[in-house]
C-alpha atoms as a PDB file:
ATOM      1  CA  MET A   1     -11.854  29.528  25.858  1.00  0.00           C
ATOM      2  CA  LYS A   2     -12.156  28.350  29.375  1.00  0.00           C
ATOM      3  CA  VAL A   3     -12.172  24.720  30.403  1.00  0.00           C
ATOM      4  CA  ASN A   4     -15.941  24.849  31.309  1.00  0.00           C
ATOM      5  CA  GLU A   5     -16.818  26.394  28.021  1.00  0.00           C
ATOM      6  CA  ILE A   6     -14.901  23.651  26.211  1.00  0.00           C
ATOM      7  CA  ARG A   7     -16.762  21.075  28.240  1.00  0.00           C
ATOM      8  CA  TYR A   8     -20.078  22.595  27.484  1.00  0.00           C
ATOM      9  CA  SER A   9     -19.405  22.857  23.768  1.00  0.00           C
ATOM     10  CA  ALA A  10     -18.287  19.227  23.698  1.00  0.00           C
ATOM     11  CA  LYS A  11     -21.562  18.151  25.356  1.00  0.00           C
ATOM     12  CA  ALA A  12     -23.598  20.491  22.967  1.00  0.00           C
ATOM     13  CA  GLY A  13     -21.942  19.031  20.035  1.00  0.00           C
ATOM     14  CA  ILE A  14     -22.516  15.439  20.936  1.00  0.00           C
ATOM     15  CA  ARG A  15     -26.114  16.207  22.038  1.00  0.00           C
ATOM     16  CA  ASN A  16     -26.665  17.888  18.547  1.00  0.00           C
ATOM     17  CA  LEU A  17     -26.011  14.568  16.896  1.00  0.00           C
ATOM     18  CA  GLY A  18     -29.527  13.370  18.038  1.00  0.00           C
ATOM     19  CA  ARG A  19     -31.401  16.521  16.900  1.00  0.00           C
ATOM     20  CA  HIS A  20     -31.370  15.365  13.191  1.00  0.00           C
ATOM     21  CA  PRO A  21     -31.194  11.562  13.359  1.00  0.00           C
ATOM     22  CA  LEU A  22     -32.035  10.972   9.718  1.00  0.00           C
ATOM     23  CA  LEU A  23     -29.590  13.451   8.433  1.00  0.00           C
ATOM     24  CA  LEU A  24     -27.003  12.019  10.889  1.00  0.00           C
ATOM     25  CA  VAL A  25     -27.542   8.527   9.669  1.00  0.00           C
ATOM     26  CA  ALA A  26     -27.469   9.649   5.918  1.00  0.00           C
ATOM     27  CA  SER A  27     -24.245  11.565   6.466  1.00  0.00           C
ATOM     28  CA  VAL A  28     -22.497   8.805   8.517  1.00  0.00           C
ATOM     29  CA  LEU A  29     -23.580   6.078   5.965  1.00  0.00           C
ATOM     30  CA  THR A  30     -22.439   8.061   2.980  1.00  0.00           C
ATOM     31  CA  LEU A  31     -19.100   8.963   4.783  1.00  0.00           C
ATOM     32  CA  THR A  32     -18.758   5.288   5.711  1.00  0.00           C
ATOM     33  CA  LEU A  33     -19.192   4.268   2.143  1.00  0.00           C
ATOM     34  CA  MET A  34     -16.615   6.759   0.936  1.00  0.00           C
ATOM     35  CA  LEU A  35     -14.153   5.627   3.561  1.00  0.00           C
ATOM     36  CA  PHE A  36     -14.906   1.979   2.820  1.00  0.00           C
ATOM     37  CA  LEU A  37     -14.168   2.531  -0.860  1.00  0.00           C
ATOM     38  CA  LEU A  38     -10.975   4.324   0.051  1.00  0.00           C
ATOM     39  CA  SER A  39     -10.082   1.377   2.399  1.00  0.00           C
ATOM     40  CA  ILE A  40     -10.604  -1.063  -0.438  1.00  0.00           C
ATOM     41  CA  PHE A  41      -8.375   0.838  -2.762  1.00  0.00           C
ATOM     42  CA  VAL A  42      -5.740   1.130  -0.116  1.00  0.00           C
ATOM     43  CA  ILE A  43      -5.891  -2.656   0.485  1.00  0.00           C
ATOM     44  CA  PHE A  44      -5.713  -3.319  -3.304  1.00  0.00           C
ATOM     45  CA  SER A  45      -2.962  -0.844  -3.789  1.00  0.00           C
ATOM     46  CA  ARG A  46      -0.685  -2.133  -0.906  1.00  0.00           C
ATOM     47  CA  ASN A  47      -1.182  -5.764  -1.796  1.00  0.00           C
ATOM     48  CA  ALA A  48      -0.719  -5.037  -5.581  1.00  0.00           C
ATOM     49  CA  SER A  49       2.674  -3.424  -4.885  1.00  0.00           C
ATOM     50  CA  HIS A  50       3.506  -6.178  -2.431  1.00  0.00           C
ATOM     51  CA  LEU A  51       2.695  -9.042  -4.973  1.00  0.00           C
ATOM     52  CA  SER A  52       4.465  -7.084  -7.742  1.00  0.00           C
ATOM     53  CA  LYS A  53       7.462  -6.846  -5.762  1.00  0.00           C
ATOM     54  CA  ILE A  54       7.377 -10.605  -4.938  1.00  0.00           C
ATOM     55  CA  ALA A  55       6.785 -11.462  -8.640  1.00  0.00           C
ATOM     56  CA  ALA A  56       9.585  -9.246  -9.662  1.00  0.00           C
ATOM     57  CA  GLN A  57      11.904 -11.323  -7.616  1.00  0.00           C
ATOM     58  CA  GLN A  58      10.856 -14.693  -9.002  1.00  0.00           C
ATOM     59  CA  PRO A  59      12.222 -14.773 -12.512  1.00  0.00           C
ATOM     60  CA  PRO A  60      15.957 -14.972 -11.601  1.00  0.00           C
ATOM     61  CA  ILE A  61      18.642 -13.275 -13.692  1.00  0.00           C
ATOM     62  CA  THR A  62      21.163 -15.945 -14.953  1.00  0.00           C
ATOM     63  CA  ILE A  63      24.771 -14.733 -15.206  1.00  0.00           C
ATOM     64  CA  SER A  64      26.877 -17.131 -17.309  1.00  0.00           C
ATOM     65  CA  MET A  65      30.688 -16.925 -17.006  1.00  0.00           C
ATOM     66  CA  ARG A  66      32.814 -17.868 -19.968  1.00  0.00           C
ATOM     67  CA  VAL A  67      33.762 -21.601 -20.060  1.00  0.00           C
ATOM     68  CA  GLY A  68      37.051 -22.130 -18.207  1.00  0.00           C
ATOM     69  CA  ALA A  69      36.777 -18.681 -16.419  1.00  0.00           C
ATOM     70  CA  GLU A  70      39.566 -17.893 -13.984  1.00  0.00           C
ATOM     71  CA  ASN A  71      38.857 -18.317 -10.235  1.00  0.00           C
ATOM     72  CA  SER A  72      39.781 -14.626  -9.745  1.00  0.00           C
ATOM     73  CA  SER A  73      36.937 -13.585 -12.084  1.00  0.00           C
ATOM     74  CA  ILE A  74      34.452 -15.888 -10.472  1.00  0.00           C
ATOM     75  CA  GLU A  75      35.604 -14.665  -6.950  1.00  0.00           C
ATOM     76  CA  GLN A  76      35.070 -11.071  -8.142  1.00  0.00           C
ATOM     77  CA  MET A  77      31.590 -11.840  -9.210  1.00  0.00           C
ATOM     78  CA  ARG A  78      30.707 -13.543  -5.950  1.00  0.00           C
ATOM     79  CA  HIS A  79      32.140 -10.585  -4.003  1.00  0.00           C
ATOM     80  CA  PHE A  80      29.976  -8.119  -6.069  1.00  0.00           C
ATOM     81  CA  LEU A  81      26.690 -10.019  -5.701  1.00  0.00           C
ATOM     82  CA  SER A  82      27.187 -10.585  -1.991  1.00  0.00           C
ATOM     83  CA  GLY A  83      28.117  -6.956  -1.299  1.00  0.00           C
ATOM     84  CA  ASP A  84      25.025  -5.407  -3.037  1.00  0.00           C
ATOM     85  CA  THR A  85      22.497  -6.297  -0.341  1.00  0.00           C
ATOM     86  CA  GLU A  86      20.437  -3.251  -1.165  1.00  0.00           C
ATOM     87  CA  ASN A  87      19.357  -4.409  -4.682  1.00  0.00           C
ATOM     88  CA  ILE A  88      19.881  -8.048  -4.474  1.00  0.00           C
ATOM     89  CA  VAL A  89      17.523 -10.445  -2.480  1.00  0.00           C
ATOM     90  CA  GLU A  90      19.733 -13.342  -2.852  1.00  0.00           C
ATOM     91  CA  PHE A  91      21.899 -15.228  -5.357  1.00  0.00           C
ATOM     92  CA  THR A  92      22.685 -18.842  -6.040  1.00  0.00           C
ATOM     93  CA  GLU A  93      25.956 -20.100  -7.422  1.00  0.00           C
ATOM     94  CA  PHE A  94      26.228 -23.207  -9.614  1.00  0.00           C
ATOM     95  CA  THR A  95      29.598 -24.740 -10.484  1.00  0.00           C
ATOM     96  CA  PRO A  96      30.159 -26.488 -13.912  1.00  0.00           C
ATOM     97  CA  GLU A  97      29.746 -29.821 -12.239  1.00  0.00           C
ATOM     98  CA  MET A  98      26.353 -28.823 -10.656  1.00  0.00           C
ATOM     99  CA  ASN A  99      25.065 -27.495 -13.960  1.00  0.00           C
ATOM    100  CA  PHE A 100      26.143 -30.664 -15.837  1.00  0.00           C
ATOM    101  CA  GLN A 101      24.407 -32.896 -13.188  1.00  0.00           C
ATOM    102  CA  THR A 102      21.229 -30.915 -13.582  1.00  0.00           C
ATOM    103  CA  PHE A 103      21.450 -31.219 -17.380  1.00  0.00           C
ATOM    104  CA  LYS A 104      22.033 -34.922 -17.209  1.00  0.00           C
ATOM    105  CA  GLU A 105      19.048 -35.436 -14.814  1.00  0.00           C
ATOM    106  CA  SER A 106      16.782 -33.583 -17.325  1.00  0.00           C
ATOM    107  CA  ILE A 107      18.022 -35.561 -20.317  1.00  0.00           C
ATOM    108  CA  GLY A 108      18.737 -38.980 -18.872  1.00  0.00           C
ATOM    109  CA  LYS A 109      20.729 -41.688 -20.589  1.00  0.00           C
ATOM    110  CA  GLU A 110      24.000 -41.624 -18.569  1.00  0.00           C
ATOM    111  CA  GLU A 111      25.874 -43.566 -21.275  1.00  0.00           C
ATOM    112  CA  LEU A 112      25.804 -40.651 -23.645  1.00  0.00           C
ATOM    113  CA  TRP A 113      28.157 -38.587 -21.351  1.00  0.00           C
ATOM    114  CA  GLU A 114      31.026 -40.839 -20.973  1.00  0.00           C
ATOM    115  CA  GLY A 115      34.220 -39.005 -21.551  1.00  0.00           C
ATOM    116  CA  PHE A 116      32.388 -35.643 -21.600  1.00  0.00           C
ATOM    117  CA  SER A 117      34.788 -32.773 -20.420  1.00  0.00           C
ATOM    118  CA  VAL A 118      32.788 -30.718 -18.039  1.00  0.00           C
ATOM    119  CA  GLU A 119      35.505 -27.968 -17.624  1.00  0.00           C
ATOM    120  CA  ASP A 120      35.885 -27.463 -21.395  1.00  0.00           C
ATOM    121  CA  ASN A 121      32.016 -27.200 -22.053  1.00  0.00           C
ATOM    122  CA  ILE A 122      29.933 -26.203 -19.146  1.00  0.00           C
ATOM    123  CA  PRO A 123      30.139 -22.639 -17.545  1.00  0.00           C
ATOM    124  CA  HIS A 124      30.017 -21.419 -13.986  1.00  0.00           C
ATOM    125  CA  THR A 125      26.710 -19.559 -13.464  1.00  0.00           C
ATOM    126  CA  PHE A 126      24.973 -17.401 -10.830  1.00  0.00           C
ATOM    127  CA  ASN A 127      21.127 -16.965 -10.479  1.00  0.00           C
ATOM    128  CA  VAL A 128      20.227 -13.591  -9.003  1.00  0.00           C
ATOM    129  CA  ARG A 129      16.856 -12.210  -7.565  1.00  0.00           C
ATOM    130  CA  LEU A 130      16.514  -8.301  -7.436  1.00  0.00           C
ATOM    131  CA  THR A 131      14.449  -6.298  -4.963  1.00  0.00           C
ATOM    132  CA  ASP A 132      13.281  -3.945  -7.672  1.00  0.00           C
ATOM    133  CA  PRO A 133      12.412  -4.858 -11.372  1.00  0.00           C
ATOM    134  CA  GLY A 134      13.331  -1.350 -12.410  1.00  0.00           C
ATOM    135  CA  TYR A 135      16.980  -1.918 -11.510  1.00  0.00           C
ATOM    136  CA  GLY A 136      17.221  -4.890 -13.950  1.00  0.00           C
ATOM    137  CA  GLU A 137      18.746  -3.009 -16.968  1.00  0.00           C
ATOM    138  CA  GLU A 138      21.248  -1.092 -14.810  1.00  0.00           C
ATOM    139  CA  PHE A 139      22.116  -4.383 -13.099  1.00  0.00           C
ATOM    140  CA  LYS A 140      22.583  -6.088 -16.453  1.00  0.00           C
ATOM    141  CA  THR A 141      24.889  -3.337 -17.812  1.00  0.00           C
ATOM    142  CA  THR A 142      27.103  -3.430 -14.685  1.00  0.00           C
ATOM    143  CA  VAL A 143      27.495  -7.182 -14.747  1.00  0.00           C
ATOM    144  CA  GLU A 144      28.286  -7.332 -18.434  1.00  0.00           C
ATOM    145  CA  SER A 145      31.211  -4.985 -17.865  1.00  0.00           C
ATOM    146  CA  MET A 146      32.805  -7.417 -15.470  1.00  0.00           C
ATOM    147  CA  PRO A 147      35.589  -9.674 -16.601  1.00  0.00           C
ATOM    148  CA  GLU A 148      34.882 -13.030 -18.228  1.00  0.00           C
ATOM    149  CA  VAL A 149      31.068 -12.611 -18.227  1.00  0.00           C
ATOM    150  CA  TYR A 150      29.684 -14.422 -21.295  1.00  0.00           C
ATOM    151  CA  GLU A 151      25.991 -13.348 -21.145  1.00  0.00           C
ATOM    152  CA  VAL A 152      23.238 -12.139 -18.745  1.00  0.00           C
ATOM    153  CA  LEU A 153      19.802 -13.591 -19.249  1.00  0.00           C
ATOM    154  CA  MET A 154      16.698 -11.988 -17.617  1.00  0.00           C
ATOM    155  CA  GLU A 155      13.005 -11.784 -18.222  1.00  0.00           C
ATOM    156  CA  THR A 156      13.201  -7.982 -19.489  1.00  0.00           C
ATOM    157  CA  GLU A 157       9.590  -7.546 -20.676  1.00  0.00           C
ATOM    158  CA  VAL A 158       8.114  -9.161 -17.546  1.00  0.00           C
ATOM    159  CA  MET A 159      10.250  -7.031 -15.191  1.00  0.00           C
ATOM    160  CA  LYS A 160       9.298  -3.804 -17.252  1.00  0.00           C
ATOM    161  CA  LEU A 161       5.611  -4.804 -17.040  1.00  0.00           C
ATOM    162  CA  LEU A 162       5.848  -5.296 -13.303  1.00  0.00           C
ATOM    163  CA  ASP A 163       7.570  -1.949 -12.824  1.00  0.00           C
ATOM    164  CA  LYS A 164       4.706  -0.100 -14.721  1.00  0.00           C
ATOM    165  CA  VAL A 165       2.038  -2.025 -12.793  1.00  0.00           C
ATOM    166  CA  SER A 166       3.510  -0.824  -9.582  1.00  0.00           C
ATOM    167  CA  LEU A 167       3.982   2.812 -10.939  1.00  0.00           C
ATOM    168  CA  TRP A 168       0.391   3.094 -12.221  1.00  0.00           C
ATOM    169  CA  THR A 169      -1.128   1.561  -9.133  1.00  0.00           C
ATOM    170  CA  ASN A 170       0.348   4.376  -7.078  1.00  0.00           C
ATOM    171  CA  ARG A 171      -0.840   7.062  -9.469  1.00  0.00           C
ATOM    172  CA  ILE A 172      -4.322   5.775  -9.740  1.00  0.00           C
ATOM    173  CA  GLY A 173      -4.474   5.424  -5.937  1.00  0.00           C
ATOM    174  CA  MET A 174      -3.554   8.958  -5.442  1.00  0.00           C
ATOM    175  CA  ILE A 175      -6.209  10.279  -7.972  1.00  0.00           C
ATOM    176  CA  PHE A 176      -8.778   8.019  -6.312  1.00  0.00           C
ATOM    177  CA  PHE A 177      -7.873   9.331  -2.904  1.00  0.00           C
ATOM    178  CA  ILE A 178      -8.349  12.947  -3.916  1.00  0.00           C
ATOM    179  CA  VAL A 179     -11.683  12.375  -5.571  1.00  0.00           C
ATOM    180  CA  LEU A 180     -13.007  10.551  -2.526  1.00  0.00           C
ATOM    181  CA  ALA A 181     -11.556  13.107  -0.151  1.00  0.00           C
ATOM    182  CA  VAL A 182     -13.433  15.926  -2.036  1.00  0.00           C
ATOM    183  CA  VAL A 183     -16.660  13.987  -2.011  1.00  0.00           C
ATOM    184  CA  SER A 184     -16.456  13.090   1.638  1.00  0.00           C
ATOM    185  CA  ALA A 185     -15.772  16.845   2.507  1.00  0.00           C
ATOM    186  CA  LEU A 186     -18.892  17.973   0.535  1.00  0.00           C
ATOM    187  CA  ILE A 187     -21.006  15.353   2.424  1.00  0.00           C
ATOM    188  CA  VAL A 188     -19.801  16.494   5.847  1.00  0.00           C
ATOM    189  CA  ALA A 189     -20.115  20.245   4.975  1.00  0.00           C
ATOM    190  CA  ASN A 190     -23.668  19.657   3.868  1.00  0.00           C
ATOM    191  CA  MET A 191     -24.543  17.991   7.164  1.00  0.00           C
ATOM    192  CA  ILE A 192     -23.088  20.762   9.239  1.00  0.00           C
ATOM    193  CA  ARG A 193     -24.554  23.503   7.017  1.00  0.00           C
ATOM    194  CA  VAL A 194     -28.072  22.002   7.559  1.00  0.00           C
ATOM    195  CA  ALA A 195     -27.449  21.822  11.380  1.00  0.00           C
ATOM    196  CA  VAL A 196     -26.287  25.464  11.479  1.00  0.00           C
ATOM    197  CA  LEU A 197     -29.308  26.652   9.483  1.00  0.00           C
ATOM    198  CA  SER A 198     -31.689  24.712  11.815  1.00  0.00           C
ATOM    199  CA  ARG A 199     -30.227  26.475  14.900  1.00  0.00           C
ATOM    200  CA  SER A 200     -29.786  29.880  13.311  1.00  0.00           C
ATOM    201  CA  ASN A 201     -32.176  31.498  15.912  1.00  0.00           C
ATOM    202  CA  GLU A 202     -30.094  30.055  18.696  1.00  0.00           C
ATOM    203  CA  ILE A 203     -26.805  31.267  17.196  1.00  0.00           C
ATOM    204  CA  ASN A 204     -28.325  34.805  16.887  1.00  0.00           C
ATOM    205  CA  ILE A 205     -29.389  34.799  20.519  1.00  0.00           C
ATOM    206  CA  MET A 206     -25.874  33.595  21.577  1.00  0.00           C
ATOM    207  CA  LYS A 207     -24.412  36.457  19.615  1.00  0.00           C
ATOM    208  CA  TYR A 208     -26.545  39.011  21.387  1.00  0.00           C
ATOM    209  CA  LEU A 209     -25.525  37.441  24.693  1.00  0.00           C
ATOM    210  CA  GLY A 210     -21.937  38.011  23.872  1.00  0.00           C
ATOM    211  CA  ALA A 211     -20.787  34.500  22.853  1.00  0.00           C
ATOM    212  CA  THR A 212     -17.405  34.365  21.105  1.00  0.00           C
ATOM    213  CA  LYS A 213     -16.891  32.930  17.690  1.00  0.00           C
ATOM    214  CA  GLY A 214     -14.974  30.028  18.959  1.00  0.00           C
ATOM    215  CA  PHE A 215     -17.695  29.209  21.418  1.00  0.00           C
ATOM    216  CA  ILE A 216     -20.343  29.142  18.748  1.00  0.00           C
ATOM    217  CA  GLN A 217     -18.174  27.139  16.274  1.00  0.00           C
ATOM    218  CA  LEU A 218     -16.979  24.507  18.511  1.00  0.00           C
ATOM    219  CA  PRO A 219     -20.206  22.453  19.079  1.00  0.00           C
ATOM    220  CA  PHE A 220     -20.623  22.168  15.270  1.00  0.00           C
ATOM    221  CA  ILE A 221     -16.938  21.184  14.797  1.00  0.00           C
ATOM    222  CA  ILE A 222     -17.413  18.476  17.505  1.00  0.00           C
ATOM    223  CA  GLU A 223     -20.516  17.289  15.790  1.00  0.00           C
ATOM    224  CA  GLY A 224     -18.606  16.969  12.458  1.00  0.00           C
ATOM    225  CA  LEU A 225     -15.706  15.161  14.092  1.00  0.00           C
ATOM    226  CA  SER A 226     -18.015  12.896  15.943  1.00  0.00           C
ATOM    227  CA  SER A 227     -19.829  11.740  12.712  1.00  0.00           C
ATOM    228  CA  GLY A 228     -16.433  11.371  11.091  1.00  0.00           C
ATOM    229  CA  PHE A 229     -15.256   9.155  13.943  1.00  0.00           C
ATOM    230  CA  ILE A 230     -18.297   6.934  13.668  1.00  0.00           C
ATOM    231  CA  GLY A 231     -17.937   6.563   9.908  1.00  0.00           C
ATOM    232  CA  ALA A 232     -14.258   5.938  10.179  1.00  0.00           C
ATOM    233  CA  LEU A 233     -14.858   3.036  12.757  1.00  0.00           C
ATOM    234  CA  LEU A 234     -17.729   1.544  10.591  1.00  0.00           C
ATOM    235  CA  ALA A 235     -15.662   1.741   7.384  1.00  0.00           C
ATOM    236  CA  SER A 236     -12.517   0.202   9.150  1.00  0.00           C
ATOM    237  CA  LEU A 237     -14.578  -2.575  10.806  1.00  0.00           C
ATOM    238  CA  THR A 238     -16.346  -3.620   7.518  1.00  0.00           C
ATOM    239  CA  SER A 239     -13.216  -3.326   5.339  1.00  0.00           C
ATOM    240  CA  GLY A 240     -11.079  -5.127   8.045  1.00  0.00           C
ATOM    241  CA  LEU A 241     -13.579  -8.050   8.198  1.00  0.00           C
ATOM    242  CA  LEU A 242     -13.694  -8.283   4.487  1.00  0.00           C
ATOM    243  CA  TYR A 243      -9.891  -8.326   4.275  1.00  0.00           C
ATOM    244  CA  VAL A 244      -9.600 -11.029   6.849  1.00  0.00           C
ATOM    245  CA  TYR A 245     -12.017 -13.148   4.814  1.00  0.00           C
ATOM    246  CA  ILE A 246     -10.209 -12.525   1.499  1.00  0.00           C
ATOM    247  CA  GLN A 247      -6.861 -13.221   3.102  1.00  0.00           C
ATOM    248  CA  ASN A 248      -7.977 -16.580   4.481  1.00  0.00           C
ATOM    249  CA  ARG A 249      -9.667 -17.598   1.152  1.00  0.00           C
ATOM    250  CA  PHE A 250      -6.477 -16.456  -0.756  1.00  0.00           C
ATOM    251  CA  SER A 251      -4.064 -18.355   1.601  1.00  0.00           C
ATOM    252  CA  LYS A 252      -6.111 -21.558   1.309  1.00  0.00           C
ATOM    253  CA  GLY A 253      -6.439 -21.306  -2.464  1.00  0.00           C
ATOM    254  CA  LEU A 254      -2.900 -20.868  -3.201  1.00  0.00           C
ATOM    255  CA  SER A 255      -1.315 -22.840  -0.397  1.00  0.00           C
ATOM    256  CA  GLY A 256      -0.542 -25.775  -2.564  1.00  0.00           C
ATOM    257  CA  ILE A 257       0.623 -23.681  -5.659  1.00  0.00           C
ATOM    258  CA  SER A 258       2.727 -20.900  -4.172  1.00  0.00           C
ATOM    259  CA  GLN A 259       4.108 -22.770  -1.228  1.00  0.00           C
ATOM    260  CA  GLY A 260       3.902 -19.583   0.727  1.00  0.00           C
ATOM    261  CA  THR A 261       5.686 -17.355  -1.785  1.00  0.00           C
ATOM    262  CA  PHE A 262       2.729 -15.327  -3.055  1.00  0.00           C
ATOM    263  CA  THR A 263       0.948 -14.172   0.129  1.00  0.00           C
ATOM    264  CA  LEU A 264      -1.101 -11.126   0.945  1.00  0.00           C
ATOM    265  CA  LEU A 265       0.124  -8.689   3.554  1.00  0.00           C
ATOM    266  CA  PRO A 266      -0.654  -9.782   7.192  1.00  0.00           C
ATOM    267  CA  ASN A 267      -3.997  -8.803   8.640  1.00  0.00           C
ATOM    268  CA  SER A 268      -2.527  -6.706  11.366  1.00  0.00           C
ATOM    269  CA  THR A 269      -0.382  -4.614   8.958  1.00  0.00           C
ATOM    270  CA  VAL A 270      -3.333  -3.859   6.597  1.00  0.00           C
ATOM    271  CA  ILE A 271      -6.059  -3.331   9.186  1.00  0.00           C
ATOM    272  CA  GLY A 272      -3.734  -1.044  11.247  1.00  0.00           C
ATOM    273  CA  THR A 273      -3.092   0.942   8.034  1.00  0.00           C
ATOM    274  CA  ILE A 274      -6.717   1.352   7.025  1.00  0.00           C
ATOM    275  CA  ILE A 275      -7.806   2.336  10.636  1.00  0.00           C
ATOM    276  CA  GLY A 276      -5.078   5.088  10.720  1.00  0.00           C
ATOM    277  CA  ILE A 277      -5.853   6.402   7.242  1.00  0.00           C
ATOM    278  CA  ASN A 278      -9.623   6.484   7.876  1.00  0.00           C
ATOM    279  CA  LEU A 279      -9.355   8.268  11.273  1.00  0.00           C
ATOM    280  CA  LEU A 280      -6.880  10.803   9.833  1.00  0.00           C
ATOM    281  CA  VAL A 281      -8.886  11.484   6.667  1.00  0.00           C
ATOM    282  CA  ALA A 282     -12.220  11.638   8.564  1.00  0.00           C
ATOM    283  CA  PHE A 283     -10.858  14.051  11.223  1.00  0.00           C
ATOM    284  CA  VAL A 284      -9.121  16.211   8.692  1.00  0.00           C
ATOM    285  CA  LEU A 285     -12.013  16.453   6.344  1.00  0.00           C
ATOM    286  CA  CYS A 286     -14.677  16.829   8.904  1.00  0.00           C
ATOM    287  CA  PHE A 287     -12.702  19.504  10.729  1.00  0.00           C
ATOM    288  CA  VAL A 288     -12.115  21.445   7.597  1.00  0.00           C
ATOM    289  CA  ALA A 289     -15.708  21.071   6.246  1.00  0.00           C
ATOM    290  CA  SER A 290     -17.226  21.990   9.666  1.00  0.00           C
ATOM    291  CA  MET A 291     -15.095  25.081   9.995  1.00  0.00           C
ATOM    292  CA  LEU A 292     -15.953  26.341   6.459  1.00  0.00           C
ATOM    293  CA  SER A 293     -19.696  25.480   6.977  1.00  0.00           C
ATOM    294  CA  VAL A 294     -20.118  27.314  10.202  1.00  0.00           C
ATOM    295  CA  ARG A 295     -17.667  30.221   9.653  1.00  0.00           C
ATOM    296  CA  LYS A 296     -20.164  32.395   7.797  1.00  0.00           C
ATOM    297  CA  HIS A 297     -22.931  32.069  10.472  1.00  0.00           C
ATOM    298  CA  ALA A 298     -20.667  32.252  13.503  1.00  0.00           C
ATOM    299  CA  LYS A 299     -19.311  35.847  12.751  1.00  0.00           C
ATOM    300  CA  VAL A 300     -19.713  38.023  15.818  1.00  0.00           C
END
């Protein structure tokens, strides 16, 4: 197609939006609702995974060395933990003296511990936080095989639960996305089909005058893409404003409890994601739906 034909088709497609205002409003609002629900689930899914990941890192794994363990074994453990930066967020080391001091502070009564031998009774320990709860069992097996490790304590059930929550959140999100995508495509296809039928006489005249298939299709495709663009912007605006409100309330409500540990994803990250997803989904669905709706009537 020539440039002037494309320009004409673009103007015709945008002009056609005003020919059926009620149908346009109904289609845009329905598409906006679908994309809004999709945005809400994307927000929920991303923040659920984010919070699950943070929660998985909170219950530390405690590694207890044997009482009186050799310095070489302790150094080997220290080297192993500091080298596994991919799976370990951080680790904290506690000497027998530090563990004993913590124990005394929790019990009190200093006079009870006179003559107590720390080296013969208190072990050297490490507290570890992992990046992924699913790695917990493998990590425990690896550590238990190292020299002079007495035991490895971790919240196994909690970590398994968090791992399952993250997995099912992703699965449900994919199913939800597919369902909404199909519904949105049907909505746009119906709008374009009605527009094509209302202009069937004009299309037939264009065929007799020698118009190409692409020339006939393009205005309807642009009409569908325009409605999709409007719906994507409205859905992104409403869901973005809602997320900013929720984020502010969440931060204020937990500021004194979590001390910044449990926080939702930043506004810019989430809003940028939902805008990108909404525009991509709207353009792809509207393009495919428009092509399928007008294909039959545009045969030359």
